[in-house]
Structure formats: C-alpha cells, structure tokens
Amino acid sequence: MSEAEQFELLASDGMLVKRPLLVGDGFVLVGFKEDEWKARV
C-alpha cells in the first residue's frame, strides 16, 4: 500500500486512529500532551 493510499484510508475511517498522532520532521508525538504539542506546532 502506498503512503498516499494509507493516508486516504486513514482519512476515510476515523476508527483506524486510536489516539492523536503527530508526525513531523525528525519527531513523532503519540497521544495528546498539550505542552509537547504546543512546543512542536
């Protein structure tokens, strides 16, 4: 499955993602910790 197909599938079915996930350049945040997200976004 290509990356584009993976994104399309995730966008079409919200139940596939169980927790917030933020992927950035050189980091991945799993779960929601407001202070960590504010520091990265």
PDB file of N, CA and C in Angstrom:
ATOM      1  N   MET A   1       0.855  -1.166   0.000  1.00  0.00           N
ATOM      2  CA  MET A   1       0.000   0.000   0.000  1.00  0.00           C
ATOM      3  C   MET A   1       0.909   1.240   0.000  1.00  0.00           C
ATOM      4  N   SER A   2       0.647   2.130  -0.890  1.00  0.00           N
ATOM      5  CA  SER A   2       1.465   3.343  -0.964  1.00  0.00           C
ATOM      6  C   SER A   2       1.127   4.272   0.207  1.00  0.00           C
ATOM      7  N   GLU A   3       2.002   5.242   0.437  1.00  0.00           N
ATOM      8  CA  GLU A   3       1.753   6.201   1.505  1.00  0.00           C
ATOM      9  C   GLU A   3       0.476   6.994   1.241  1.00  0.00           C
ATOM     10  N   ALA A   4       0.253   7.362  -0.018  1.00  0.00           N
ATOM     11  CA  ALA A   4      -0.964   8.106  -0.367  1.00  0.00           C
ATOM     12  C   ALA A   4      -2.203   7.266  -0.078  1.00  0.00           C
ATOM     13  N   GLU A   5      -2.150   5.975  -0.376  1.00  0.00           N
ATOM     14  CA  GLU A   5      -3.286   5.084  -0.101  1.00  0.00           C
ATOM     15  C   GLU A   5      -3.508   4.953   1.405  1.00  0.00           C
ATOM     16  N   GLN A   6      -2.428   4.909   2.170  1.00  0.00           N
ATOM     17  CA  GLN A   6      -2.544   4.828   3.625  1.00  0.00           C
ATOM     18  C   GLN A   6      -3.237   6.074   4.176  1.00  0.00           C
ATOM     19  N   PHE A   7      -2.820   7.247   3.716  1.00  0.00           N
ATOM     20  CA  PHE A   7      -3.439   8.492   4.171  1.00  0.00           C
ATOM     21  C   PHE A   7      -4.915   8.541   3.786  1.00  0.00           C
ATOM     22  N   GLU A   8      -5.223   8.099   2.584  1.00  0.00           N
ATOM     23  CA  GLU A   8      -6.618   8.094   2.129  1.00  0.00           C
ATOM     24  C   GLU A   8      -7.461   7.184   3.002  1.00  0.00           C
ATOM     25  N   LEU A   9      -6.937   6.009   3.328  1.00  0.00           N
ATOM     26  CA  LEU A   9      -7.661   5.070   4.176  1.00  0.00           C
ATOM     27  C   LEU A   9      -7.873   5.644   5.570  1.00  0.00           C
ATOM     28  N   LEU A  10      -6.836   6.232   6.158  1.00  0.00           N
ATOM     29  CA  LEU A  10      -6.973   6.836   7.481  1.00  0.00           C
ATOM     30  C   LEU A  10      -7.973   7.985   7.476  1.00  0.00           C
ATOM     31  N   ALA A  11      -7.973   8.773   6.407  1.00  0.00           N
ATOM     32  CA  ALA A  11      -8.900   9.901   6.304  1.00  0.00           C
ATOM     33  C   ALA A  11     -10.337   9.429   6.142  1.00  0.00           C
ATOM     34  N   SER A  12     -10.537   8.272   5.560  1.00  0.00           N
ATOM     35  CA  SER A  12     -11.892   7.785   5.294  1.00  0.00           C
ATOM     36  C   SER A  12     -12.521   7.081   6.492  1.00  0.00           C
ATOM     37  N   ASP A  13     -11.709   6.621   7.456  1.00  0.00           N
ATOM     38  CA  ASP A  13     -12.242   5.865   8.585  1.00  0.00           C
ATOM     39  C   ASP A  13     -11.523   6.286   9.870  1.00  0.00           C
ATOM     40  N   GLY A  14     -12.125   7.194  10.614  1.00  0.00           N
ATOM     41  CA  GLY A  14     -11.515   7.712  11.830  1.00  0.00           C
ATOM     42  C   GLY A  14     -11.276   6.674  12.905  1.00  0.00           C
ATOM     43  N   MET A  15     -11.943   5.532  12.835  1.00  0.00           N
ATOM     44  CA  MET A  15     -11.749   4.486  13.834  1.00  0.00           C
ATOM     45  C   MET A  15     -10.403   3.784  13.685  1.00  0.00           C
ATOM     46  N   LEU A  16      -9.698   4.013  12.600  1.00  0.00           N
ATOM     47  CA  LEU A  16      -8.389   3.396  12.409  1.00  0.00           C
ATOM     48  C   LEU A  16      -7.319   4.064  13.270  1.00  0.00           C
ATOM     49  N   VAL A  17      -7.599   5.281  13.695  1.00  0.00           N
ATOM     50  CA  VAL A  17      -6.656   6.007  14.537  1.00  0.00           C
ATOM     51  C   VAL A  17      -7.212   6.031  15.949  1.00  0.00           C
ATOM     52  N   LYS A  18      -6.492   5.440  16.886  1.00  0.00           N
ATOM     53  CA  LYS A  18      -6.995   5.331  18.243  1.00  0.00           C
ATOM     54  C   LYS A  18      -6.563   6.484  19.130  1.00  0.00           C
ATOM     55  N   ARG A  19      -5.521   7.183  18.746  1.00  0.00           N
ATOM     56  CA  ARG A  19      -5.049   8.296  19.558  1.00  0.00           C
ATOM     57  C   ARG A  19      -4.428   9.337  18.650  1.00  0.00           C
ATOM     58  N   PRO A  20      -4.322  10.558  19.138  1.00  0.00           N
ATOM     59  CA  PRO A  20      -3.680  11.577  18.319  1.00  0.00           C
ATOM     60  C   PRO A  20      -2.245  11.176  17.991  1.00  0.00           C
ATOM     61  N   LEU A  21      -1.859  11.464  16.772  1.00  0.00           N
ATOM     62  CA  LEU A  21      -0.516  11.145  16.308  1.00  0.00           C
ATOM     63  C   LEU A  21      -0.034  12.315  15.469  1.00  0.00           C
ATOM     64  N   LEU A  22       1.108  12.860  15.829  1.00  0.00           N
ATOM     65  CA  LEU A  22       1.694  13.971  15.087  1.00  0.00           C
ATOM     66  C   LEU A  22       3.065  13.533  14.596  1.00  0.00           C
ATOM     67  N   VAL A  23       3.229  13.520  13.276  1.00  0.00           N
ATOM     68  CA  VAL A  23       4.495  13.132  12.670  1.00  0.00           C
ATOM     69  C   VAL A  23       5.104  14.371  12.032  1.00  0.00           C
ATOM     70  N   GLY A  24       6.299  14.688  12.435  1.00  0.00           N
ATOM     71  CA  GLY A  24       6.977  15.853  11.891  1.00  0.00           C
ATOM     72  C   GLY A  24       8.378  15.502  11.431  1.00  0.00           C
ATOM     73  N   ASP A  25       9.125  16.490  11.059  1.00  0.00           N
ATOM     74  CA  ASP A  25      10.484  16.298  10.584  1.00  0.00           C
ATOM     75  C   ASP A  25      11.390  15.922  11.756  1.00  0.00           C
ATOM     76  N   GLY A  26      11.679  14.653  11.903  1.00  0.00           N
ATOM     77  CA  GLY A  26      12.567  14.191  12.964  1.00  0.00           C
ATOM     78  C   GLY A  26      11.896  13.877  14.290  1.00  0.00           C
ATOM     79  N   PHE A  27      10.554  13.861  14.334  1.00  0.00           N
ATOM     80  CA  PHE A  27       9.874  13.524  15.588  1.00  0.00           C
ATOM     81  C   PHE A  27       8.493  12.930  15.337  1.00  0.00           C
ATOM     82  N   VAL A  28       8.003  12.195  16.324  1.00  0.00           N
ATOM     83  CA  VAL A  28       6.642  11.661  16.327  1.00  0.00           C
ATOM     84  C   VAL A  28       6.110  11.821  17.746  1.00  0.00           C
ATOM     85  N   LEU A  29       4.923  12.426  17.870  1.00  0.00           N
ATOM     86  CA  LEU A  29       4.268  12.534  19.174  1.00  0.00           C
ATOM     87  C   LEU A  29       3.052  11.626  19.173  1.00  0.00           C
ATOM     88  N   VAL A  30       2.960  10.762  20.187  1.00  0.00           N
ATOM     89  CA  VAL A  30       1.828   9.840  20.317  1.00  0.00           C
ATOM     90  C   VAL A  30       1.042  10.247  21.547  1.00  0.00           C
ATOM     91  N   GLY A  31      -0.259  10.360  21.388  1.00  0.00           N
ATOM     92  CA  GLY A  31      -1.102  10.821  22.490  1.00  0.00           C
ATOM     93  C   GLY A  31      -1.137  12.338  22.500  1.00  0.00           C
ATOM     94  N   PHE A  32      -1.908  12.890  23.396  1.00  0.00           N
ATOM     95  CA  PHE A  32      -2.018  14.346  23.442  1.00  0.00           C
ATOM     96  C   PHE A  32      -1.540  14.863  24.775  1.00  0.00           C
ATOM     97  N   LYS A  33      -0.393  15.500  24.738  1.00  0.00           N
ATOM     98  CA  LYS A  33       0.126  16.243  25.883  1.00  0.00           C
ATOM     99  C   LYS A  33       0.266  17.668  25.382  1.00  0.00           C
ATOM    100  N   GLU A  34      -0.630  18.511  25.835  1.00  0.00           N
ATOM    101  CA  GLU A  34      -0.768  19.857  25.285  1.00  0.00           C
ATOM    102  C   GLU A  34       0.555  20.616  25.216  1.00  0.00           C
ATOM    103  N   ASP A  35       1.358  20.556  26.261  1.00  0.00           N
ATOM    104  CA  ASP A  35       2.627  21.302  26.267  1.00  0.00           C
ATOM    105  C   ASP A  35       3.568  20.827  25.163  1.00  0.00           C
ATOM    106  N   GLU A  36       3.648  19.497  24.948  1.00  0.00           N
ATOM    107  CA  GLU A  36       4.511  18.955  23.904  1.00  0.00           C
ATOM    108  C   GLU A  36       4.023  19.388  22.523  1.00  0.00           C
ATOM    109  N   TRP A  37       2.707  19.354  22.332  1.00  0.00           N
ATOM    110  CA  TRP A  37       2.154  19.739  21.015  1.00  0.00           C
ATOM    111  C   TRP A  37       2.404  21.222  20.752  1.00  0.00           C
ATOM    112  N   LYS A  38       2.195  22.057  21.757  1.00  0.00           N
ATOM    113  CA  LYS A  38       2.422  23.496  21.575  1.00  0.00           C
ATOM    114  C   LYS A  38       3.881  23.781  21.209  1.00  0.00           C
ATOM    115  N   ALA A  39       4.806  23.011  21.791  1.00  0.00           N
ATOM    116  CA  ALA A  39       6.227  23.215  21.512  1.00  0.00           C
ATOM    117  C   ALA A  39       6.594  22.811  20.092  1.00  0.00           C
ATOM    118  N   ARG A  40       5.839  21.904  19.479  1.00  0.00           N
ATOM    119  CA  ARG A  40       6.164  21.395  18.142  1.00  0.00           C
ATOM    120  C   ARG A  40       5.378  22.046  17.014  1.00  0.00           C
ATOM    121  N   VAL A  41       4.193  22.542  17.317  1.00  0.00           N
ATOM    122  CA  VAL A  41       3.326  23.075  16.242  1.00  0.00           C
ATOM    123  C   VAL A  41       3.505  24.562  16.093  1.00  0.00           C
TER     124      VAL A  41
END
